[in-house]
Amino acid sequence: MMSILQLCYVIASVMFILGIRSLGSPETARRGMNLASFGMLIAIVGTLFNQQIVNYTWIIAGLVTGTLLSLPISLWIPMTKIPQRIALSHAGGALAACLIGIAEYYRYHASLGSASMGIVAVEVMLGALTFTGSLMVAGKLHGILPGHPITYKGQNIVNISLFIIMIAMLVYISLNPEMNTVFYILLSLSFLFGLFLVTPIGAADMPVVIAIFNSYGGLTGAVMGFMLANRIQIITGALDGASGFILSILMCKAMNRSITNVLFGAFGRMEETEAKAKRTSDTKEPQPISFEDALQFFEQAKTVIIAPGYGMAASQAHHALREFADKLKANGISIKYAIHPVAGRMPGHMNVLLAEANVPYTDLFDMDEINPEFPHADIVLVVGANDVTNPAARTVKSSPIYGMPILDVDKAKKVIVLKRSLSPGFSGVENDLYYKDNTWMLFGDAKDSLSKLAYGFKRAWGA
């Protein structure tokens, strides 16, 4: 039986690795998810052959309950809510690992050695802070909690001090496993630290936060694997932790933030003077545009680049956007989508939404690929993107977003921005793009505006 178990674990591990590799391209991402899912199924089935299982009652109950809970989550939650759903998944996995660590300590703490106790303590600490931190992320994304950073004087000092205390307690409990009080105090402080970690982070920084908590969750799983002597748990946890850590570094680079800020939970925090920063351009007013004039621009265009952002997700405008893009394509207009790495609320948020709207993968281009093409574009259509299109990031050293790589939409011949108002993005800086001579503002809900554009284009030119 153990040979069957080990064989299943080897097959599952290979499928996990191949699945992650396939996620590197939108064209193979779906296949990668299927491979990873099937690998998990093999790992679960293989685990059922474990000789240490005495009774299958609770195992079957867990499988049935998990299946019943996953069906409504998969079928009913819209793609626009996927970021908070992923955050809740991180929270659930972290809590499960934390509870397993607590159970192991409760049962065996009297016989645990220093090394084993240290592993249990690390698992519980990581699981607890990831649980509460992920709940905070989900709350900010869903609007239950304030999306803006909540800071106070000396916050970093408090957080770092709390972290040092937790590490000291972890070392102490490792050397003295019988100290129940210290263990449960460490558990409580870990839950609290997860809250403190996310409090100073704004909702717009959630792509980095989701990536780092994905890494924390993977590390928790790997530590749990060491505790349970479960090879597949170690492998999957290590893969998850490493991929999440690499992704968080890439997200930091895309947002011009340091990994040190991420690890200490200080990113997303702005000084009061920076938060109140205004646009750097002169007093020139933006140029509004009517639907009729916008349609005339598109009629004359040969190349159009679309730059989607969180506003597209908030208004659920991705289907209307694809419909309008199809009308343009039918009239021989070249369409490309410019995808900024941190547009939205999670890594790949725009890719996921556009895939749901059946936008061809071949039409999507990363920032580095598309930026050289903006000067040649007749029109750039900005749909709800704000900070990732702000030219101030290139030129204004006093700006909170200075140095952040952006989409060079301002270099196009014409720019049409779909936005409800002139309200700034998360950075608090008004977008200089809106005041450029080559930029026109089409105010209103993005979904409604795109539907009107698609209908107007159809009526005017029979597309």
Protein backbone atom coordinates (compact mmCIF):
# COMPACT_ATOMS: atom_id res chain seq x y z
CA MET A 1 0.00 0.00 0.00
CA MET A 2 2.82 2.37 0.78
CA SER A 3 4.28 1.81 -2.68
CA ILE A 4 0.98 2.92 -4.22
CA LEU A 5 1.00 5.97 -1.93
CA GLN A 6 4.54 6.97 -2.92
CA LEU A 7 3.81 6.40 -6.62
CA CYS A 8 0.75 8.66 -6.41
CA TYR A 9 2.82 11.33 -4.68
CA VAL A 10 5.52 11.20 -7.37
CA ILE A 11 2.95 11.48 -10.18
CA ALA A 12 1.17 14.33 -8.38
CA SER A 13 4.46 16.19 -7.85
CA VAL A 14 5.33 15.97 -11.55
CA MET A 15 1.87 17.24 -12.50
CA PHE A 16 2.17 20.16 -10.09
CA ILE A 17 5.49 21.19 -11.62
CA LEU A 18 4.17 20.86 -15.18
CA GLY A 19 1.03 22.77 -14.15
CA ILE A 20 3.02 25.71 -12.78
CA ARG A 21 5.21 25.72 -15.88
CA SER A 22 2.11 25.91 -18.08
CA LEU A 23 0.86 28.94 -16.19
CA GLY A 24 3.65 30.97 -17.80
CA SER A 25 1.56 31.55 -20.91
CA PRO A 26 -2.11 32.51 -21.31
CA GLU A 27 -2.44 29.93 -24.09
CA THR A 28 -1.42 27.05 -21.80
CA ALA A 29 -2.71 28.39 -18.47
CA ARG A 30 -6.00 26.48 -18.61
CA ARG A 31 -4.14 23.24 -19.31
CA GLY A 32 -1.80 24.01 -16.41
CA MET A 33 -4.73 24.44 -14.03
CA ASN A 34 -6.22 21.15 -15.20
CA LEU A 35 -2.91 19.36 -14.71
CA ALA A 36 -2.48 20.77 -11.20
CA SER A 37 -6.09 19.92 -10.28
CA PHE A 38 -5.71 16.36 -11.53
CA GLY A 39 -2.43 16.10 -9.64
CA MET A 40 -4.20 17.15 -6.45
CA LEU A 41 -6.87 14.52 -7.07
CA ILE A 42 -4.17 11.85 -7.42
CA ALA A 43 -2.50 13.07 -4.20
CA ILE A 44 -5.80 12.89 -2.30
CA VAL A 45 -6.63 9.42 -3.63
CA GLY A 46 -3.10 8.24 -2.84
CA THR A 47 -3.37 9.57 0.72
CA LEU A 48 -6.41 7.34 1.26
CA PHE A 49 -4.04 4.36 1.00
CA ASN A 50 -2.03 5.57 4.00
CA GLN A 51 -1.77 2.73 6.53
CA GLN A 52 -1.98 5.15 9.44
CA ILE A 53 -5.65 5.87 8.69
CA VAL A 54 -7.81 4.21 11.34
CA ASN A 55 -11.26 5.50 10.38
CA TYR A 56 -12.48 7.06 7.14
CA THR A 57 -15.60 8.70 8.61
CA TRP A 58 -14.14 12.19 9.16
CA ILE A 59 -12.15 12.00 5.93
CA ILE A 60 -15.25 11.27 3.87
CA ALA A 61 -17.17 13.96 5.74
CA GLY A 62 -14.45 16.47 4.90
CA LEU A 63 -14.40 15.49 1.23
CA VAL A 64 -18.16 15.81 0.92
CA THR A 65 -18.29 19.12 2.81
CA GLY A 66 -15.44 20.62 0.79
CA THR A 67 -17.05 19.55 -2.48
CA LEU A 68 -20.42 21.01 -1.54
CA LEU A 69 -18.82 24.31 -0.49
CA SER A 70 -16.68 24.57 -3.61
CA LEU A 71 -19.56 24.20 -6.08
CA PRO A 72 -21.36 27.49 -5.28
CA ILE A 73 -18.00 29.28 -5.00
CA SER A 74 -17.02 28.09 -8.46
CA LEU A 75 -20.38 28.59 -10.15
CA TRP A 76 -21.83 31.73 -8.60
CA ILE A 77 -18.95 34.06 -7.77
CA PRO A 78 -18.34 36.38 -10.77
CA MET A 79 -14.87 36.77 -12.22
CA THR A 80 -14.78 40.37 -11.00
CA LYS A 81 -14.80 39.03 -7.42
CA ILE A 82 -12.02 36.50 -7.95
CA PRO A 83 -9.35 38.51 -6.03
CA GLN A 84 -11.29 38.39 -2.76
CA ARG A 85 -12.21 34.76 -3.37
CA ILE A 86 -8.52 33.90 -3.73
CA ALA A 87 -7.79 35.80 -0.52
CA LEU A 88 -10.45 33.75 1.27
CA SER A 89 -8.90 30.55 -0.14
CA HIS A 90 -5.55 31.60 1.30
CA ALA A 91 -7.25 32.24 4.63
CA GLY A 92 -8.94 28.82 4.63
CA GLY A 93 -5.76 26.94 3.78
CA ALA A 94 -3.75 28.83 6.38
CA LEU A 95 -6.36 28.21 9.08
CA ALA A 96 -6.40 24.50 8.28
CA ALA A 97 -2.61 24.31 8.63
CA CYS A 98 -2.75 26.33 11.85
CA LEU A 99 -5.39 24.05 13.38
CA ILE A 100 -3.39 20.96 12.46
CA GLY A 101 -0.37 22.46 14.22
CA ILE A 102 -2.45 23.25 17.30
CA ALA A 103 -3.83 19.70 17.33
CA GLU A 104 -0.34 18.20 17.04
CA TYR A 105 0.89 20.36 19.91
CA TYR A 106 -2.13 19.52 22.04
CA ARG A 107 -1.57 15.78 21.54
CA TYR A 108 2.20 15.45 21.63
CA HIS A 109 3.75 18.55 23.21
CA ALA A 110 5.04 16.58 26.20
CA SER A 111 7.05 14.29 23.93
CA LEU A 112 8.15 16.80 21.29
CA GLY A 113 11.84 17.56 20.90
CA SER A 114 13.19 21.05 20.26
CA ALA A 115 13.35 20.60 16.47
CA SER A 116 9.83 19.17 16.21
CA MET A 117 8.46 21.85 18.53
CA GLY A 118 10.13 24.54 16.45
CA ILE A 119 8.49 23.20 13.30
CA VAL A 120 5.07 23.15 14.97
CA ALA A 121 5.53 26.71 16.29
CA VAL A 122 6.60 28.06 12.88
CA GLU A 123 3.61 26.39 11.21
CA VAL A 124 1.15 27.80 13.73
CA MET A 125 2.68 31.29 13.58
CA LEU A 126 2.67 31.46 9.76
CA GLY A 127 -0.79 29.91 9.51
CA ALA A 128 -2.32 32.31 12.04
CA LEU A 129 -0.90 35.52 10.56
CA THR A 130 -1.73 34.40 7.02
CA PHE A 131 -5.32 33.64 8.08
CA THR A 132 -6.09 37.03 9.61
CA GLY A 133 -4.03 38.89 7.01
CA SER A 134 -5.88 37.20 4.15
CA LEU A 135 -9.23 38.00 5.75
CA MET A 136 -8.16 41.65 5.90
CA VAL A 137 -7.21 41.52 2.21
CA ALA A 138 -10.60 40.06 1.28
CA GLY A 139 -12.38 42.69 3.38
CA LYS A 140 -10.51 45.57 1.74
CA LEU A 141 -11.11 44.21 -1.74
CA HIS A 142 -14.81 43.68 -1.10
CA GLY A 143 -15.29 47.10 0.46
CA ILE A 144 -16.21 45.79 3.90
CA LEU A 145 -13.07 47.40 5.32
CA PRO A 146 -11.61 50.79 4.30
CA GLY A 147 -9.57 50.41 1.14
CA HIS A 148 -7.17 53.24 1.99
CA PRO A 149 -4.05 52.71 4.15
CA ILE A 150 -4.67 53.13 7.88
CA THR A 151 -1.50 54.38 9.53
CA TYR A 152 -0.40 55.91 12.80
CA LYS A 153 2.82 57.33 14.15
CA GLY A 154 5.35 54.66 15.04
CA GLN A 155 3.44 51.93 13.26
CA ASN A 156 6.50 50.26 11.80
CA ILE A 157 8.18 50.27 15.20
CA VAL A 158 5.16 48.53 16.73
CA ASN A 159 5.02 45.94 13.95
CA ILE A 160 8.73 45.17 14.04
CA SER A 161 8.71 44.98 17.84
CA LEU A 162 5.78 42.57 17.77
CA PHE A 163 7.55 40.44 15.18
CA ILE A 164 10.73 40.29 17.30
CA ILE A 165 8.68 39.28 20.36
CA MET A 166 7.04 36.51 18.35
CA ILE A 167 10.41 35.20 17.16
CA ALA A 168 11.74 35.25 20.74
CA MET A 169 8.71 33.31 21.94
CA LEU A 170 9.13 30.83 19.08
CA VAL A 171 12.73 30.15 20.14
CA TYR A 172 11.69 29.85 23.80
CA ILE A 173 8.85 27.41 23.13
CA SER A 174 11.16 25.33 20.94
CA LEU A 175 13.51 24.90 23.88
CA ASN A 176 10.67 24.46 26.38
CA PRO A 177 7.82 22.56 24.64
CA GLU A 178 5.93 22.06 27.90
CA MET A 179 5.23 25.82 28.27
CA ASN A 180 1.59 25.81 27.14
CA THR A 181 0.98 29.44 28.08
CA VAL A 182 3.79 30.73 25.87
CA PHE A 183 2.52 28.65 22.93
CA TYR A 184 -0.98 30.04 23.11
CA ILE A 185 0.27 33.60 23.60
CA LEU A 186 2.39 33.14 20.45
CA LEU A 187 -0.72 31.91 18.65
CA SER A 188 -2.73 34.96 19.74
CA LEU A 189 0.02 37.41 18.79
CA SER A 190 0.31 35.75 15.37
CA PHE A 191 -3.38 36.31 14.69
CA LEU A 192 -2.94 39.93 15.77
CA PHE A 193 0.18 40.41 13.65
CA GLY A 194 -1.73 39.38 10.53
CA LEU A 195 -4.13 42.26 11.15
CA PHE A 196 -1.32 44.75 11.77
CA LEU A 197 0.48 43.60 8.64
CA VAL A 198 -2.33 44.54 6.24
CA THR A 199 -3.77 47.59 8.03
CA PRO A 200 -1.30 50.10 6.47
CA ILE A 201 -1.79 48.70 2.96
CA GLY A 202 -4.21 50.24 0.46
CA ALA A 203 -6.55 48.21 -1.75
CA ALA A 204 -4.64 49.24 -4.86
CA ASP A 205 -1.56 47.41 -3.58
CA MET A 206 -3.40 44.11 -3.28
CA PRO A 207 -1.61 42.43 -6.23
CA VAL A 208 1.57 42.40 -4.16
CA VAL A 209 -0.26 41.44 -0.96
CA ILE A 210 -2.03 38.49 -2.57
CA ALA A 211 1.28 37.27 -3.98
CA ILE A 212 3.10 37.51 -0.66
CA PHE A 213 0.32 35.77 1.27
CA ASN A 214 0.34 33.07 -1.37
CA SER A 215 4.01 32.65 -0.50
CA TYR A 216 3.28 32.61 3.24
CA GLY A 217 0.57 30.00 2.70
CA GLY A 218 2.98 27.82 0.72
CA LEU A 219 5.62 28.08 3.42
CA THR A 220 3.01 27.11 6.01
CA GLY A 221 2.13 24.04 3.96
CA ALA A 222 5.79 23.08 3.56
CA VAL A 223 6.40 23.36 7.30
CA MET A 224 3.29 21.26 7.93
CA GLY A 225 4.74 18.64 5.58
CA PHE A 226 7.92 18.47 7.68
CA MET A 227 5.81 18.17 10.83
CA LEU A 228 3.71 15.32 9.42
CA ALA A 229 6.62 13.75 7.48
CA ASN A 230 4.49 14.07 4.35
CA ARG A 231 6.61 14.39 1.20
CA ILE A 232 3.88 15.66 -1.12
CA GLN A 233 2.99 18.38 1.39
CA ILE A 234 6.61 19.51 1.49
CA ILE A 235 6.85 19.58 -2.31
CA THR A 236 3.58 21.43 -2.90
CA GLY A 237 4.29 23.89 -0.11
CA ALA A 238 7.76 24.61 -1.43
CA LEU A 239 6.42 25.13 -4.97
CA ASP A 240 3.67 27.40 -3.73
CA GLY A 241 5.96 29.37 -1.44
CA ALA A 242 8.70 29.84 -4.03
CA SER A 243 6.33 30.79 -6.85
CA GLY A 244 4.47 33.22 -4.59
CA PHE A 245 7.73 34.82 -3.47
CA ILE A 246 8.99 35.20 -7.06
CA LEU A 247 5.65 36.65 -8.11
CA SER A 248 5.70 39.14 -5.24
CA ILE A 249 9.17 40.33 -6.35
CA LEU A 250 7.90 40.80 -9.91
CA MET A 251 4.87 42.71 -8.61
CA CYS A 252 7.12 44.92 -6.47
CA LYS A 253 9.24 45.69 -9.52
CA ALA A 254 6.12 46.58 -11.50
CA MET A 255 4.99 48.95 -8.71
CA ASN A 256 8.44 50.37 -7.94
CA ARG A 257 8.43 49.01 -4.40
CA SER A 258 11.16 47.15 -2.53
CA ILE A 259 10.79 43.61 -1.26
CA THR A 260 11.82 44.88 2.20
CA ASN A 261 8.64 46.94 2.29
CA VAL A 262 6.62 43.86 1.45
CA LEU A 263 8.18 41.65 4.11
CA PHE A 264 7.61 44.23 6.83
CA GLY A 265 4.16 45.25 5.67
CA ALA A 266 5.09 48.90 5.14
CA PHE A 267 4.34 49.15 1.44
CA GLY A 268 1.23 50.97 0.40
CA ARG A 269 1.95 53.51 3.12
CA MET A 270 2.34 57.14 2.08
CA GLU A 271 3.23 60.19 4.03
CA GLU A 272 0.45 62.70 4.48
CA THR A 273 2.14 65.27 2.27
CA GLU A 274 2.45 62.73 -0.52
CA ALA A 275 -1.13 61.55 -0.22
CA LYS A 276 -2.27 65.11 -0.79
CA ALA A 277 -0.15 65.58 -3.88
CA LYS A 278 -1.91 67.17 -6.79
CA ARG A 279 -1.38 67.01 -10.50
CA THR A 280 1.75 68.59 -11.78
CA SER A 281 0.34 70.12 -14.93
CA ASP A 282 -1.02 73.63 -15.20
CA THR A 283 -4.60 74.74 -14.68
CA LYS A 284 -5.69 73.47 -18.11
CA GLU A 285 -9.05 71.72 -17.98
CA PRO A 286 -9.63 68.24 -19.46
CA GLN A 287 -11.34 67.89 -22.84
CA PRO A 288 -14.70 66.09 -22.63
CA ILE A 289 -15.87 64.26 -25.71
CA SER A 290 -19.32 63.15 -26.88
CA PHE A 291 -20.18 59.66 -28.13
CA GLU A 292 -20.67 61.04 -31.64
CA ASP A 293 -17.23 62.65 -31.74
CA ALA A 294 -15.62 59.56 -30.24
CA LEU A 295 -17.21 57.38 -32.92
CA GLN A 296 -15.79 59.66 -35.62
CA PHE A 297 -12.31 59.21 -34.12
CA PHE A 298 -12.69 55.43 -34.23
CA GLU A 299 -14.06 55.56 -37.80
CA GLN A 300 -10.84 57.23 -38.95
CA ALA A 301 -8.50 54.97 -36.95
CA LYS A 302 -6.46 52.08 -38.28
CA THR A 303 -4.79 50.96 -35.04
CA VAL A 304 -6.36 51.00 -31.57
CA ILE A 305 -4.70 49.93 -28.32
CA ILE A 306 -6.91 49.25 -25.30
CA ALA A 307 -5.50 49.80 -21.78
CA PRO A 308 -7.83 48.18 -19.20
CA GLY A 309 -7.66 48.80 -15.46
CA TYR A 310 -9.52 48.23 -12.21
CA GLY A 311 -12.35 50.50 -13.39
CA MET A 312 -13.17 47.91 -16.04
CA ALA A 313 -13.45 45.23 -13.38
CA ALA A 314 -15.50 47.43 -11.04
CA SER A 315 -18.05 48.22 -13.73
CA GLN A 316 -17.90 44.66 -15.16
CA ALA A 317 -17.32 46.19 -18.58
CA HIS A 318 -15.13 43.43 -20.05
CA HIS A 319 -17.90 41.84 -22.13
CA ALA A 320 -19.02 45.21 -23.50
CA LEU A 321 -15.38 46.02 -24.27
CA ARG A 322 -14.95 42.84 -26.30
CA GLU A 323 -18.18 43.56 -28.17
CA PHE A 324 -16.96 47.02 -29.14
CA ALA A 325 -13.53 45.68 -30.06
CA ASP A 326 -15.18 43.09 -32.32
CA LYS A 327 -17.05 45.89 -34.13
CA LEU A 328 -13.78 47.70 -34.72
CA LYS A 329 -12.09 44.52 -35.95
CA ALA A 330 -14.93 43.85 -38.37
CA ASN A 331 -14.09 47.19 -40.00
CA GLY A 332 -10.44 46.34 -40.47
CA ILE A 333 -9.12 48.17 -37.39
CA SER A 334 -6.14 46.56 -35.63
CA ILE A 335 -6.89 45.90 -31.93
CA LYS A 336 -4.35 45.21 -29.19
CA TYR A 337 -4.71 45.13 -25.41
CA ALA A 338 -1.98 46.63 -23.20
CA ILE A 339 -1.74 44.72 -19.91
CA HIS A 340 0.08 46.34 -16.99
CA PRO A 341 1.37 43.76 -14.44
CA VAL A 342 -0.50 45.33 -11.52
CA ALA A 343 -3.63 46.61 -13.24
CA GLY A 344 -6.50 45.40 -11.08
CA ARG A 345 -6.46 43.80 -7.66
CA MET A 346 -4.45 40.63 -8.20
CA PRO A 347 -1.68 39.39 -10.49
CA GLY A 348 -3.19 38.67 -13.89
CA HIS A 349 -6.53 40.24 -13.01
CA MET A 350 -7.01 41.81 -16.43
CA ASN A 351 -5.95 38.60 -18.19
CA VAL A 352 -8.55 36.61 -16.27
CA LEU A 353 -11.37 39.05 -17.00
CA LEU A 354 -10.53 39.38 -20.68
CA ALA A 355 -10.27 35.60 -21.00
CA GLU A 356 -13.77 35.30 -19.51
CA ALA A 357 -14.96 37.72 -22.21
CA ASN A 358 -13.34 35.46 -24.85
CA VAL A 359 -10.76 38.03 -25.90
CA PRO A 360 -8.13 36.13 -27.97
CA TYR A 361 -4.86 35.53 -26.12
CA THR A 362 -3.00 36.77 -29.18
CA ASP A 363 -4.50 40.24 -28.69
CA LEU A 364 -2.99 40.64 -25.20
CA PHE A 365 0.45 42.21 -24.82
CA ASP A 366 2.57 42.80 -21.73
CA MET A 367 3.76 46.29 -20.88
CA ASP A 368 7.29 45.79 -22.20
CA GLU A 369 5.96 44.45 -25.51
CA ILE A 370 3.32 47.11 -26.13
CA ASN A 371 5.07 50.28 -24.93
CA PRO A 372 7.11 50.77 -28.15
CA GLU A 373 3.86 50.63 -30.16
CA PHE A 374 2.02 53.49 -28.48
CA PRO A 375 3.59 56.27 -30.61
CA HIS A 376 2.25 54.52 -33.72
CA ALA A 377 -1.29 53.99 -32.41
CA ASP A 378 -4.07 56.17 -33.78
CA ILE A 379 -6.14 55.80 -30.60
CA VAL A 380 -5.52 54.43 -27.12
CA LEU A 381 -8.72 53.59 -25.29
CA VAL A 382 -8.13 53.71 -21.52
CA VAL A 383 -10.82 51.79 -19.63
CA GLY A 384 -10.62 52.56 -15.93
CA ALA A 385 -6.83 52.52 -15.65
CA ASN A 386 -5.40 55.36 -13.55
CA ASP A 387 -1.99 55.28 -11.85
CA VAL A 388 -0.58 52.80 -14.40
CA THR A 389 -1.12 55.41 -17.15
CA ASN A 390 0.02 58.54 -15.28
CA PRO A 391 2.97 60.28 -17.02
CA ALA A 392 3.96 61.83 -13.69
CA ALA A 393 5.57 58.49 -12.83
CA ARG A 394 8.28 59.29 -15.39
CA THR A 395 8.96 62.94 -14.68
CA VAL A 396 7.81 64.13 -11.23
CA LYS A 397 10.31 63.08 -8.56
CA SER A 398 8.06 64.29 -5.74
CA SER A 399 5.20 62.04 -6.87
CA PRO A 400 4.42 58.92 -4.78
CA ILE A 401 4.40 56.90 -8.01
CA TYR A 402 7.68 58.29 -9.37
CA GLY A 403 9.74 55.51 -10.95
CA MET A 404 6.83 53.10 -11.35
CA PRO A 405 6.86 51.59 -14.86
CA ILE A 406 3.71 52.70 -16.70
CA LEU A 407 1.92 52.19 -19.98
CA ASP A 408 3.10 54.95 -22.33
CA VAL A 409 -0.42 55.76 -23.49
CA ASP A 410 0.26 59.52 -23.56
CA LYS A 411 2.56 59.00 -26.56
CA ALA A 412 -0.31 57.90 -28.81
CA LYS A 413 -1.83 60.22 -31.41
CA LYS A 414 -5.18 60.29 -29.57
CA VAL A 415 -6.21 59.03 -26.14
CA ILE A 416 -9.82 58.46 -25.10
CA VAL A 417 -10.35 57.79 -21.40
CA LEU A 418 -13.49 56.09 -20.06
CA LYS A 419 -13.96 57.20 -16.46
CA ARG A 420 -16.73 58.21 -14.10
CA SER A 421 -14.95 61.32 -12.87
CA LEU A 422 -11.54 62.96 -12.50
CA SER A 423 -10.99 61.36 -9.08
CA PRO A 424 -7.37 60.25 -8.57
CA GLY A 425 -6.28 56.66 -8.15
CA PHE A 426 -4.87 55.07 -5.03
CA SER A 427 -1.76 57.22 -5.07
CA GLY A 428 -3.84 60.33 -4.47
CA VAL A 429 -2.21 62.04 -7.46
CA GLU A 430 -4.39 63.40 -10.22
CA ASN A 431 -3.53 61.85 -13.54
CA ASP A 432 -1.60 64.25 -15.80
CA LEU A 433 -2.79 62.21 -18.77
CA TYR A 434 -6.29 63.69 -18.46
CA TYR A 435 -4.97 67.20 -19.15
CA LYS A 436 -2.88 66.42 -22.23
CA ASP A 437 -3.79 68.05 -25.55
CA ASN A 438 -4.16 64.63 -27.19
CA THR A 439 -6.49 63.24 -24.47
CA TRP A 440 -10.29 63.33 -24.41
CA MET A 441 -12.50 62.24 -21.49
CA LEU A 442 -15.66 60.21 -22.08
CA PHE A 443 -17.33 60.43 -18.68
CA GLY A 444 -19.74 57.80 -17.39
CA ASP A 445 -19.95 54.14 -16.40
CA ALA A 446 -17.48 52.18 -18.55
CA LYS A 447 -19.90 49.34 -19.29
CA ASP A 448 -22.65 51.74 -20.36
CA SER A 449 -20.25 53.86 -22.42
CA LEU A 450 -18.82 50.85 -24.26
CA SER A 451 -22.29 49.47 -24.97
CA LYS A 452 -23.30 52.83 -26.48
CA LEU A 453 -20.11 52.95 -28.55
CA ALA A 454 -20.69 49.43 -29.87
CA TYR A 455 -24.33 50.21 -30.72
CA GLY A 456 -23.44 53.55 -32.30
CA PHE A 457 -20.68 52.03 -34.37
CA LYS A 458 -23.07 49.33 -35.61
CA ARG A 459 -25.73 51.86 -36.61
CA ALA A 460 -23.34 54.34 -38.24
CA TRP A 461 -21.24 51.91 -40.29
CA GLY A 462 -23.28 48.73 -40.32
CA ALA A 463 -20.71 46.73 -38.41
